[in-house]
N, C-alpha and C. Protein backbone atom coordinates (compact mmCIF):
# COMPACT_ATOMS: atom_id res chain seq x y z
N MET A 1 15.52 -13.38 5.18
CA MET A 1 16.35 -14.67 4.17
C MET A 1 16.03 -14.06 2.61
N SER A 2 17.04 -13.59 2.04
CA SER A 2 16.59 -13.42 0.41
C SER A 2 16.54 -14.47 -0.07
N LEU A 3 16.28 -14.51 -1.48
CA LEU A 3 15.15 -15.46 -2.51
C LEU A 3 16.83 -15.98 -2.81
N ARG A 4 17.81 -15.57 -2.99
CA ARG A 4 19.18 -16.51 -3.12
C ARG A 4 19.28 -17.43 -1.90
N ASP A 5 19.15 -16.87 -1.15
CA ASP A 5 19.52 -17.97 0.36
C ASP A 5 18.27 -18.78 0.17
N VAL A 6 16.68 -18.55 0.23
CA VAL A 6 16.18 -19.53 -0.78
C VAL A 6 16.11 -20.51 -1.43
N TRP A 7 16.78 -20.14 -2.81
CA TRP A 7 17.25 -20.85 -3.67
C TRP A 7 18.21 -22.04 -3.42
N ALA A 8 19.56 -21.45 -2.39
CA ALA A 8 20.67 -22.14 -2.63
C ALA A 8 20.06 -22.94 -1.06
N ARG A 9 19.49 -23.01 -0.19
CA ARG A 9 19.30 -23.92 0.66
C ARG A 9 17.81 -24.98 0.51
N GLN A 10 16.78 -24.49 -0.57
CA GLN A 10 15.57 -25.22 -0.64
C GLN A 10 15.61 -26.04 -1.82
N VAL A 11 16.27 -24.92 -2.96
CA VAL A 11 15.49 -25.69 -4.38
C VAL A 11 16.78 -25.98 -5.29
N TYR A 12 18.21 -26.00 -4.80
CA TYR A 12 19.20 -26.29 -5.17
C TYR A 12 19.80 -27.56 -4.57
N PRO A 13 19.98 -28.11 -3.80
CA PRO A 13 19.93 -29.27 -3.30
C PRO A 13 18.58 -30.11 -3.89
N PHE A 14 17.63 -30.04 -4.06
CA PHE A 14 16.76 -30.73 -4.68
C PHE A 14 17.42 -31.01 -6.08
N LEU A 15 17.75 -29.85 -7.12
CA LEU A 15 17.49 -29.69 -8.42
C LEU A 15 19.12 -30.70 -8.19
N ARG A 16 20.27 -30.55 -7.36
CA ARG A 16 21.05 -31.82 -7.37
C ARG A 16 20.85 -33.46 -7.35
N GLU A 17 19.67 -33.17 -6.50
CA GLU A 17 19.46 -34.89 -6.17
C GLU A 17 18.53 -35.56 -7.53
N TRP A 18 18.28 -34.92 -8.71
CA TRP A 18 17.50 -35.15 -9.97
C TRP A 18 18.37 -34.82 -11.02
N GLU A 19 19.57 -34.77 -11.06
CA GLU A 19 20.20 -34.30 -11.88
C GLU A 19 20.91 -35.41 -12.85
N GLY A 20 20.26 -35.12 -14.03
CA GLY A 20 20.68 -36.76 -14.49
C GLY A 20 19.42 -37.51 -15.02
N LYS A 21 18.42 -37.13 -14.37
CA LYS A 21 17.04 -37.76 -14.52
C LYS A 21 16.11 -37.06 -16.11
N GLN A 22 15.26 -37.79 -16.44
CA GLN A 22 14.74 -37.64 -17.71
C GLN A 22 13.36 -36.08 -17.41
N GLU A 23 13.33 -36.30 -16.41
CA GLU A 23 12.24 -35.33 -16.02
C GLU A 23 13.24 -33.74 -15.67
N SER A 24 12.39 -32.74 -16.75
CA SER A 24 12.60 -31.52 -16.38
C SER A 24 12.88 -31.25 -14.95
N VAL A 25 13.84 -30.53 -14.98
CA VAL A 25 14.87 -29.83 -13.41
C VAL A 25 13.70 -28.88 -13.23
N PHE A 26 13.19 -27.69 -14.02
CA PHE A 26 12.37 -27.14 -13.55
C PHE A 26 10.84 -27.34 -12.91
N THR A 27 10.68 -28.19 -13.61
CA THR A 27 9.30 -29.33 -13.57
C THR A 27 9.14 -29.36 -11.75
N LEU A 28 10.27 -30.28 -11.83
CA LEU A 28 10.55 -31.20 -10.54
C LEU A 28 10.83 -30.12 -9.21
N ALA A 29 11.58 -28.98 -9.69
CA ALA A 29 11.51 -27.96 -8.61
C ALA A 29 10.58 -26.82 -8.44
N PHE A 30 9.67 -26.82 -9.47
CA PHE A 30 8.62 -25.93 -9.18
C PHE A 30 7.71 -27.11 -8.65
N PHE A 31 7.23 -28.36 -8.64
CA PHE A 31 6.49 -29.09 -7.91
C PHE A 31 6.66 -29.53 -6.34
N GLU A 32 8.23 -29.41 -6.24
CA GLU A 32 8.83 -29.64 -4.73
C GLU A 32 8.18 -28.37 -4.36
N LEU A 33 8.31 -27.10 -4.93
CA LEU A 33 8.01 -25.83 -4.18
C LEU A 33 6.65 -25.89 -3.44
N LYS A 34 5.67 -26.41 -4.69
CA LYS A 34 4.58 -26.16 -4.71
C LYS A 34 4.13 -26.86 -3.19
N LYS A 35 4.65 -28.22 -3.17
CA LYS A 35 4.43 -29.15 -1.59
C LYS A 35 4.86 -28.23 -0.50
N ARG A 36 5.87 -27.34 -0.49
CA ARG A 36 6.19 -27.24 0.77
C ARG A 36 5.22 -25.93 1.51
N LYS A 37 5.68 -25.60 2.50
CA LYS A 37 4.85 -25.03 3.32
C LYS A 37 4.59 -23.29 2.45
N LYS A 38 3.43 -22.81 2.53
CA LYS A 38 3.31 -21.71 2.02
C LYS A 38 3.41 -20.68 2.97
N MET A 39 4.12 -19.58 1.97
CA MET A 39 5.16 -18.33 2.90
C MET A 39 3.69 -17.37 3.67
N ALA A 40 4.24 -16.65 4.75
CA ALA A 40 3.14 -15.85 5.10
C ALA A 40 3.95 -15.30 5.79
N LEU A 41 3.02 -13.66 5.93
CA LEU A 41 3.26 -12.72 6.24
C LEU A 41 3.80 -12.43 7.83
N ARG A 42 4.63 -12.18 8.29
CA ARG A 42 5.22 -12.37 9.51
C ARG A 42 4.34 -11.07 10.36
N VAL A 43 3.90 -11.02 11.05
CA VAL A 43 3.13 -10.29 12.41
C VAL A 43 4.00 -10.14 13.46
N ARG A 44 4.04 -9.16 14.12
CA ARG A 44 4.31 -8.80 15.94
C ARG A 44 3.03 -7.90 15.98
N ARG A 45 3.56 -8.11 17.53
CA ARG A 45 2.39 -7.37 18.33
C ARG A 45 3.15 -5.96 18.86
N ILE A 46 2.82 -5.10 19.44
CA ILE A 46 3.76 -3.24 19.69
C ILE A 46 2.59 -2.89 20.26
N LYS A 47 3.24 -2.04 21.41
CA LYS A 47 2.24 -1.22 22.22
C LYS A 47 2.53 -0.09 21.74
N LYS A 48 1.69 0.72 21.80
CA LYS A 48 1.86 2.50 21.18
C LYS A 48 0.65 3.17 21.11
N ALA A 49 1.11 4.22 21.40
CA ALA A 49 -0.36 5.69 21.20
C ALA A 49 -0.52 6.16 20.10
N PHE A 50 -1.81 6.34 19.74
CA PHE A 50 -2.26 6.77 18.55
C PHE A 50 -2.23 7.82 18.71
N GLY A 51 -1.90 8.98 17.61
CA GLY A 51 -2.19 10.81 17.11
C GLY A 51 -3.50 10.83 17.79
N PHE A 52 -4.83 10.26 17.28
CA PHE A 52 -6.18 10.13 17.23
C PHE A 52 -6.78 10.25 18.74
N ASP A 53 -6.15 9.47 19.77
CA ASP A 53 -6.40 9.50 20.81
C ASP A 53 -5.75 10.56 21.80
N LYS A 54 -6.90 11.08 22.38
CA LYS A 54 -6.38 12.54 23.02
C LYS A 54 -5.99 11.87 24.37
N THR A 55 -6.44 10.83 25.00
CA THR A 55 -5.63 10.49 25.93
C THR A 55 -4.20 10.04 26.21
N LYS A 56 -3.84 9.80 25.05
CA LYS A 56 -2.58 8.76 24.82
C LYS A 56 -2.16 7.66 25.50
N THR A 57 -3.46 6.80 25.71
CA THR A 57 -3.59 5.70 26.05
C THR A 57 -3.00 4.64 25.06
N GLU A 58 -1.58 3.98 25.46
CA GLU A 58 -0.99 2.78 24.96
C GLU A 58 -2.18 1.86 24.61
N LYS A 59 -1.87 1.22 23.20
CA LYS A 59 -2.69 0.02 23.14
C LYS A 59 -1.77 -0.76 22.42
N TYR A 60 -2.42 -1.95 22.72
CA TYR A 60 -1.52 -3.14 21.70
C TYR A 60 -2.39 -3.05 20.21
N VAL A 61 -1.29 -3.55 19.16
CA VAL A 61 -1.60 -3.46 17.69
C VAL A 61 -0.52 -4.24 17.39
N LEU A 62 -0.93 -5.17 16.02
CA LEU A 62 -0.20 -5.93 15.14
C LEU A 62 0.21 -5.06 14.17
N VAL A 63 1.42 -5.35 13.55
CA VAL A 63 2.27 -4.85 13.07
C VAL A 63 2.89 -5.50 11.99
N PRO A 64 2.79 -5.33 11.02
CA PRO A 64 3.94 -6.51 10.01
C PRO A 64 5.38 -6.12 10.51
N ASP A 65 5.89 -7.22 10.48
CA ASP A 65 7.72 -7.58 10.76
C ASP A 65 7.81 -7.58 9.40
N ARG A 66 8.54 -6.83 8.93
CA ARG A 66 9.29 -6.32 7.57
C ARG A 66 10.52 -7.52 7.47
N ALA A 67 10.04 -7.65 6.20
CA ALA A 67 11.52 -8.80 5.99
C ALA A 67 12.02 -7.70 4.64
N THR A 68 13.09 -8.86 4.52
CA THR A 68 14.38 -7.81 3.87
C THR A 68 13.64 -7.42 2.86
N VAL A 69 14.01 -6.55 1.82
CA VAL A 69 13.89 -5.74 0.46
C VAL A 69 14.33 -6.74 -0.27
N VAL A 70 13.59 -7.38 -1.17
CA VAL A 70 14.00 -8.07 -2.51
C VAL A 70 14.84 -7.06 -3.23
N ASP A 71 15.86 -6.88 -3.84
CA ASP A 71 16.87 -6.26 -5.02
C ASP A 71 16.66 -6.51 -5.94
N PHE A 72 17.38 -5.61 -6.81
CA PHE A 72 16.74 -5.90 -8.70
C PHE A 72 17.59 -7.66 -8.96
N GLU A 73 18.35 -8.04 -8.72
CA GLU A 73 19.59 -9.23 -8.84
C GLU A 73 18.74 -9.86 -8.54
N ALA A 74 18.18 -9.97 -7.42
CA ALA A 74 17.28 -11.16 -6.61
C ALA A 74 15.77 -11.03 -7.92
N LEU A 75 15.70 -10.13 -7.80
CA LEU A 75 13.99 -10.01 -8.36
C LEU A 75 14.26 -11.00 -9.84
N CYS A 76 15.26 -10.12 -10.91
CA CYS A 76 15.44 -10.92 -12.19
C CYS A 76 15.87 -12.19 -12.24
N ASP A 77 16.88 -12.46 -11.24
CA ASP A 77 17.05 -14.09 -11.10
C ASP A 77 15.63 -15.45 -11.04
N GLN A 78 14.99 -14.20 -9.98
CA GLN A 78 13.72 -15.43 -9.93
C GLN A 78 12.71 -15.20 -11.19
N VAL A 79 12.83 -13.95 -11.94
CA VAL A 79 11.67 -13.81 -12.91
C VAL A 79 12.18 -14.74 -14.11
N ALA A 80 13.68 -14.72 -14.24
CA ALA A 80 14.52 -15.98 -15.36
C ALA A 80 14.47 -17.38 -14.72
N ALA A 81 14.42 -17.91 -13.90
CA ALA A 81 13.93 -19.05 -13.38
C ALA A 81 12.75 -19.58 -13.08
N VAL A 82 11.47 -18.66 -12.71
CA VAL A 82 10.04 -18.99 -13.42
C VAL A 82 9.69 -18.69 -14.86
N SER A 83 10.49 -17.64 -15.54
CA SER A 83 10.26 -18.10 -17.22
C SER A 83 10.96 -18.67 -18.07
N GLY A 84 12.04 -19.04 -17.41
CA GLY A 84 12.85 -19.80 -18.29
C GLY A 84 13.52 -18.58 -19.57
N ILE A 85 13.63 -17.37 -19.21
CA ILE A 85 14.38 -16.80 -20.25
C ILE A 85 15.91 -16.17 -19.41
N ASN A 86 16.47 -16.43 -20.10
CA ASN A 86 17.86 -16.12 -19.13
C ASN A 86 17.94 -14.61 -18.90
N LEU A 87 19.17 -14.54 -17.73
CA LEU A 87 19.09 -13.47 -17.05
C LEU A 87 19.29 -12.41 -17.79
N GLY A 88 20.22 -12.38 -18.83
CA GLY A 88 20.51 -11.07 -19.37
C GLY A 88 18.95 -10.18 -20.06
N MET A 89 18.53 -11.51 -20.79
CA MET A 89 17.34 -10.62 -21.21
C MET A 89 16.27 -10.27 -20.32
N VAL A 90 15.90 -10.70 -18.92
CA VAL A 90 15.31 -10.41 -18.27
C VAL A 90 15.21 -9.03 -17.75
N GLN A 91 16.98 -8.99 -17.21
CA GLN A 91 16.97 -7.55 -16.76
C GLN A 91 17.43 -6.71 -18.13
N SER A 92 17.75 -6.99 -19.08
CA SER A 92 16.94 -5.57 -20.20
C SER A 92 16.08 -5.30 -20.43
N VAL A 93 14.96 -6.26 -20.05
CA VAL A 93 13.65 -5.69 -20.50
C VAL A 93 13.05 -5.26 -19.02
N VAL A 94 13.59 -5.54 -18.08
CA VAL A 94 13.01 -4.52 -16.62
C VAL A 94 13.55 -3.46 -16.92
N TYR A 95 15.25 -3.06 -17.87
CA TYR A 95 15.69 -1.68 -17.56
C TYR A 95 14.53 -0.67 -18.35
N GLY A 96 14.49 -1.86 -19.59
CA GLY A 96 13.43 -1.22 -20.37
C GLY A 96 12.10 -0.67 -20.09
N LEU A 97 11.38 -1.52 -19.40
CA LEU A 97 10.19 -1.29 -18.76
C LEU A 97 10.43 0.10 -17.91
N VAL A 98 11.21 -0.24 -17.04
CA VAL A 98 11.54 0.97 -15.70
C VAL A 98 11.74 2.53 -16.35
N LYS A 99 12.65 2.33 -17.65
CA LYS A 99 12.72 3.23 -18.20
C LYS A 99 12.07 3.91 -19.39
N SER A 100 11.38 3.48 -19.94
CA SER A 100 9.88 3.76 -20.46
C SER A 100 8.91 3.80 -19.66
N MET A 101 8.71 3.53 -18.52
CA MET A 101 7.79 4.15 -17.69
C MET A 101 7.89 5.64 -16.82
N LYS A 102 9.06 5.43 -16.94
CA LYS A 102 9.67 6.93 -16.38
C LYS A 102 8.83 8.13 -17.52
N THR A 103 9.64 7.64 -18.88
CA THR A 103 9.26 8.68 -19.79
C THR A 103 8.07 9.34 -19.90
N PHE A 104 6.74 7.90 -19.76
CA PHE A 104 5.73 8.28 -19.95
C PHE A 104 5.22 9.26 -18.61
N ILE A 105 5.35 8.98 -17.20
CA ILE A 105 4.84 9.16 -16.17
C ILE A 105 5.63 11.08 -16.21
N ARG A 106 7.11 11.43 -16.46
CA ARG A 106 7.18 12.39 -16.77
C ARG A 106 6.11 13.32 -17.73
N GLN A 107 5.54 12.23 -18.61
CA GLN A 107 5.07 13.51 -19.60
C GLN A 107 3.38 13.65 -18.96
N GLY A 108 3.28 12.68 -18.06
CA GLY A 108 2.22 12.85 -16.98
C GLY A 108 0.85 11.89 -17.26
N HIS A 109 1.67 10.91 -17.94
CA HIS A 109 0.36 9.78 -18.31
C HIS A 109 0.73 8.98 -17.09
N SER A 110 -0.59 7.93 -16.81
CA SER A 110 -0.21 6.93 -15.78
C SER A 110 -0.07 5.89 -16.52
N VAL A 111 0.45 5.15 -16.21
CA VAL A 111 1.33 3.71 -16.73
C VAL A 111 0.61 2.66 -15.93
N GLN A 112 0.08 1.24 -16.68
CA GLN A 112 -0.47 0.69 -16.33
C GLN A 112 0.33 -0.83 -16.53
N VAL A 113 0.52 -1.61 -15.62
CA VAL A 113 1.15 -2.90 -15.94
C VAL A 113 0.30 -3.97 -15.36
N SER A 114 -0.04 -4.20 -17.04
CA SER A 114 -1.29 -5.88 -16.86
C SER A 114 -0.86 -6.49 -15.49
N GLY A 115 -1.89 -7.12 -14.76
CA GLY A 115 -1.68 -8.22 -13.87
C GLY A 115 -0.75 -7.39 -12.87
N PHE A 116 -0.13 -6.12 -12.19
CA PHE A 116 0.58 -5.79 -11.52
C PHE A 116 -0.48 -4.43 -10.83
N GLY A 117 -0.35 -3.41 -11.80
CA GLY A 117 -0.99 -2.18 -10.98
C GLY A 117 -1.43 -1.42 -11.74
N THR A 118 -1.38 0.36 -11.66
CA THR A 118 -1.51 1.29 -12.51
C THR A 118 -0.59 2.57 -11.67
N PHE A 119 0.57 3.16 -11.89
CA PHE A 119 1.08 4.17 -11.31
C PHE A 119 0.64 5.22 -12.19
N VAL A 120 0.29 6.12 -11.31
CA VAL A 120 -0.29 7.39 -11.42
C VAL A 120 0.48 8.78 -10.73
N PRO A 121 0.95 9.74 -11.91
CA PRO A 121 1.40 10.63 -11.28
C PRO A 121 0.55 11.56 -10.67
N SER A 122 1.04 12.41 -9.33
CA SER A 122 -0.16 13.54 -8.76
C SER A 122 0.22 13.81 -8.13
N PHE A 123 0.26 14.84 -7.43
CA PHE A 123 0.35 16.27 -6.35
C PHE A 123 -0.63 16.69 -5.77
N ASN A 124 0.17 17.30 -4.45
CA ASN A 124 -0.60 18.01 -3.40
C ASN A 124 -0.47 19.83 -4.09
N ALA A 125 -1.26 20.65 -3.80
CA ALA A 125 -1.25 22.06 -4.17
C ALA A 125 -1.94 22.86 -2.88
N LYS A 126 -1.00 23.80 -2.73
CA LYS A 126 -2.21 24.83 -1.92
C LYS A 126 -3.06 25.58 -2.46
N SER A 127 -4.19 25.75 -1.71
CA SER A 127 -5.31 26.10 -2.21
C SER A 127 -5.45 27.57 -1.83
N SER A 128 -6.20 28.46 -2.56
CA SER A 128 -6.21 30.50 -2.04
C SER A 128 -7.56 30.62 -2.74
N LEU A 129 -8.09 31.53 -2.07
CA LEU A 129 -9.03 32.34 -2.43
C LEU A 129 -8.98 33.10 -3.56
N ASP A 130 -7.78 33.43 -3.81
CA ASP A 130 -7.07 34.56 -4.81
C ASP A 130 -7.04 33.72 -6.30
N GLU A 131 -7.48 33.56 -6.96
CA GLU A 131 -7.11 32.80 -8.48
C GLU A 131 -5.85 32.63 -8.87
N LYS A 132 -4.99 34.22 -9.02
CA LYS A 132 -3.84 34.50 -8.83
C LYS A 132 -2.84 33.77 -8.04
N GLU A 133 -2.76 33.72 -7.12
CA GLU A 133 -1.99 33.14 -6.18
C GLU A 133 -1.96 30.98 -6.65
N VAL A 134 -3.02 30.67 -7.30
CA VAL A 134 -3.05 29.53 -7.60
C VAL A 134 -2.05 28.98 -9.17
N ASN A 135 -1.14 28.55 -8.90
CA ASN A 135 -0.07 28.18 -10.04
C ASN A 135 0.48 27.05 -9.61
N VAL A 136 1.29 26.83 -10.75
CA VAL A 136 2.45 25.58 -10.47
C VAL A 136 2.98 25.48 -9.21
N ASP A 137 3.71 27.28 -8.64
CA ASP A 137 4.32 27.16 -7.40
C ASP A 137 4.00 27.19 -5.99
N SER A 138 2.78 26.35 -6.44
CA SER A 138 1.65 26.26 -5.15
C SER A 138 1.72 24.53 -5.33
N ILE A 139 1.98 23.97 -5.63
CA ILE A 139 2.44 22.78 -5.76
C ILE A 139 3.85 22.53 -4.94
N HIS A 140 3.45 21.80 -3.87
CA HIS A 140 4.39 21.38 -2.44
C HIS A 140 4.96 20.09 -2.64
N HIS A 141 3.82 19.21 -3.21
CA HIS A 141 4.49 17.60 -2.81
C HIS A 141 4.10 17.10 -4.19
N VAL A 142 5.08 16.40 -5.09
CA VAL A 142 4.96 15.53 -5.92
C VAL A 142 4.50 14.09 -5.79
N LYS A 143 4.39 13.22 -6.21
CA LYS A 143 4.06 11.79 -5.85
C LYS A 143 3.68 10.79 -7.24
N LEU A 144 3.72 9.21 -6.42
CA LEU A 144 3.57 8.42 -7.90
C LEU A 144 2.67 7.62 -6.64
N ARG A 145 0.99 7.67 -7.09
CA ARG A 145 0.42 6.63 -6.04
C ARG A 145 0.80 5.25 -7.35
N PHE A 146 0.49 4.48 -6.17
CA PHE A 146 0.30 3.05 -7.06
C PHE A 146 -0.95 2.75 -6.59
N LEU A 147 -1.90 2.14 -7.70
CA LEU A 147 -2.85 1.41 -7.51
C LEU A 147 -2.60 0.36 -7.96
N PRO A 148 -2.90 -1.39 -7.29
CA PRO A 148 -2.89 -2.52 -7.74
C PRO A 148 -3.79 -2.82 -8.64
N SER A 149 -3.49 -3.97 -9.39
CA SER A 149 -4.50 -4.42 -10.46
C SER A 149 -5.08 -5.36 -9.37
N VAL A 150 -6.31 -6.18 -9.70
CA VAL A 150 -7.50 -6.31 -8.98
C VAL A 150 -6.81 -8.06 -8.76
N GLU A 151 -5.94 -8.64 -10.09
CA GLU A 151 -4.96 -9.81 -9.32
C GLU A 151 -4.31 -9.19 -8.44
N LEU A 152 -3.67 -8.38 -8.06
CA LEU A 152 -2.44 -8.04 -7.25
C LEU A 152 -3.30 -8.22 -5.72
N ARG A 153 -4.49 -7.78 -5.87
CA ARG A 153 -5.57 -7.17 -4.74
C ARG A 153 -5.84 -8.24 -3.85
N ALA A 154 -6.77 -9.24 -5.10
CA ALA A 154 -6.53 -10.28 -4.52
C ALA A 154 -5.78 -11.63 -3.76
N VAL A 155 -4.33 -11.23 -4.64
CA VAL A 155 -3.35 -12.07 -3.74
C VAL A 155 -3.08 -11.47 -2.46
N MET A 156 -3.04 -10.27 -2.21
CA MET A 156 -2.86 -9.71 -0.84
C MET A 156 -4.01 -9.85 0.03
N HIS A 157 -5.51 -10.16 -0.48
CA HIS A 157 -6.47 -10.35 0.49
C HIS A 157 -6.45 -12.11 0.49
N SER A 158 -5.82 -12.63 -0.01
CA SER A 158 -5.93 -14.11 0.37
C SER A 158 -4.18 -14.38 1.08
N MET A 159 -3.89 -13.53 1.88
CA MET A 159 -1.99 -13.35 2.52
C MET A 159 -2.66 -14.15 3.63
N ASP A 160 -1.58 -14.74 3.82
CA ASP A 160 -1.54 -15.76 5.12
C ASP A 160 -0.68 -15.13 6.67
N PHE A 161 -0.93 -15.40 7.24
CA PHE A 161 -0.42 -14.23 8.35
C PHE A 161 0.16 -15.47 9.43
N GLU A 162 1.21 -14.64 10.49
CA GLU A 162 2.12 -15.65 11.17
C GLU A 162 2.69 -14.80 11.77
N PHE A 163 2.04 -15.17 13.36
CA PHE A 163 2.32 -14.31 14.68
C PHE A 163 3.45 -14.94 15.27
N ASP A 164 4.12 -13.59 15.12
CA ASP A 164 5.76 -13.90 15.86
C ASP A 164 5.65 -13.95 16.93
N VAL A 165 6.15 -14.92 17.79
CA VAL A 165 5.95 -15.38 19.10
C VAL A 165 6.95 -14.36 19.82
N VAL A 166 8.14 -13.57 19.22
CA VAL A 166 8.58 -13.11 19.81
C VAL A 166 8.19 -11.53 19.71
N ASP A 167 7.57 -10.74 20.34
CA ASP A 167 7.29 -9.63 20.20
C ASP A 167 7.83 -8.43 21.18
N SER A 168 7.40 -7.41 20.60
CA SER A 168 8.19 -6.39 21.59
C SER A 168 7.21 -5.55 22.23
N THR A 169 6.03 -6.22 22.94
CA THR A 169 4.98 -5.24 23.62
C THR A 169 5.63 -5.02 25.21
N LYS A 170 7.06 -4.86 25.61
CA LYS A 170 7.58 -4.35 26.79
C LYS A 170 8.42 -3.31 26.35
N ASP A 171 8.53 -2.76 24.87
CA ASP A 171 9.01 -1.75 24.51
C ASP A 171 8.27 -1.05 23.69
N SER A 172 7.62 0.19 24.71
CA SER A 172 6.24 0.74 23.47
C SER A 172 6.68 1.85 22.61
N LYS A 173 7.89 2.06 22.22
CA LYS A 173 8.71 2.60 20.91
C LYS A 173 9.22 1.74 19.94
N ALA A 174 9.05 0.48 20.62
CA ALA A 174 9.49 -0.10 19.10
C ALA A 174 8.76 -0.18 18.19
N THR A 175 9.21 -0.36 16.59
CA THR A 175 8.24 -0.14 15.67
C THR A 175 8.88 -0.74 14.82
N SER A 176 7.99 -1.23 13.84
CA SER A 176 7.88 -1.61 12.45
C SER A 176 8.58 -0.54 11.47
N GLU A 177 9.89 -0.75 10.38
CA GLU A 177 9.65 0.05 9.75
C GLU A 177 8.72 0.90 9.62
N GLY A 178 9.12 2.57 9.23
CA GLY A 178 8.07 3.16 8.93
C GLY A 178 6.60 3.52 9.49
N GLU A 179 6.83 3.24 10.43
CA GLU A 179 5.49 2.79 11.89
C GLU A 179 5.78 4.32 12.72
N ASP A 180 4.76 4.70 13.29
CA ASP A 180 5.00 5.83 14.07
C ASP A 180 5.66 5.60 15.43
N PRO A 181 6.75 6.12 15.85
CA PRO A 181 7.44 5.36 16.76
C PRO A 181 6.80 5.64 18.31
N GLY A 182 5.45 5.54 18.40
CA GLY A 182 4.59 5.91 19.67
C GLY A 182 4.29 6.94 20.58
N ASP A 183 4.88 7.91 20.05
CA ASP A 183 5.15 9.21 20.68
C ASP A 183 3.77 9.87 20.63
N GLY A 184 2.77 9.12 19.68
CA GLY A 184 1.42 10.41 19.40
C GLY A 184 1.33 10.99 18.33
N THR A 185 2.68 10.91 17.77
CA THR A 185 2.70 12.09 16.93
C THR A 185 2.02 11.75 15.54
N GLY A 186 2.05 10.33 15.10
CA GLY A 186 1.35 9.56 13.88
C GLY A 186 -0.03 9.92 14.12
N SER A 187 -0.71 9.96 12.82
CA SER A 187 -2.42 10.06 13.21
C SER A 187 -3.10 8.39 12.22
N GLU A 188 -2.30 7.87 12.59
CA GLU A 188 -2.81 6.38 11.89
C GLU A 188 -3.93 5.97 12.86
N SER A 189 -5.21 5.41 12.29
CA SER A 189 -5.89 4.49 12.96
C SER A 189 -5.70 3.22 13.01
N PRO A 190 -6.03 1.90 14.23
CA PRO A 190 -5.94 1.23 14.06
C PRO A 190 -6.24 0.18 12.97
N ASP A 191 -7.61 0.72 11.94
CA ASP A 191 -7.65 0.07 10.79
C ASP A 191 -6.88 0.21 9.52
N GLU A 192 -6.06 1.51 9.70
CA GLU A 192 -5.15 1.59 8.76
C GLU A 192 -4.13 1.12 8.70
N ILE A 193 -3.82 0.23 9.80
CA ILE A 193 -2.35 -0.67 9.59
C ILE A 193 -2.63 -2.12 9.46
């Protein structure tokens, strides 16, 4: 369910009920949402073989039941609702933030977004015993690492989990998006999942 759907189904009817009252509609909506059940990360059980296991024995493991991706428009709608800033201003600021981050990252700088985390440009390169063989041509994988802030890590560690009773244990090839398909080619350990 998208944020827009949540807003349409849960918040909008509540706001219509309070229309014309003296209290701030946003204040009332905020307190109504706080009373509702806290959202949780849904997890499900699958059966898969791990690449590090030489016997290729299939084992049960929990994986996240991935929700839909929150798109740019829904994110900006949420920021506008929470901050009280109009949607056009929010979109302009976020576009400006992303453009500025790209500029600094291209220059080789790490970019820290307070309360969110730090984006660090990095790469993998081939090593060699010969000094002359190690140059920019030895770089084979450029990547952008993300290091979450202390606040964001705290949010992650305090997450609630909800077990999805509809699991995929009968299908060992069933995976969550981005997961190893269970054919033993991955190298994740149970602790990394």
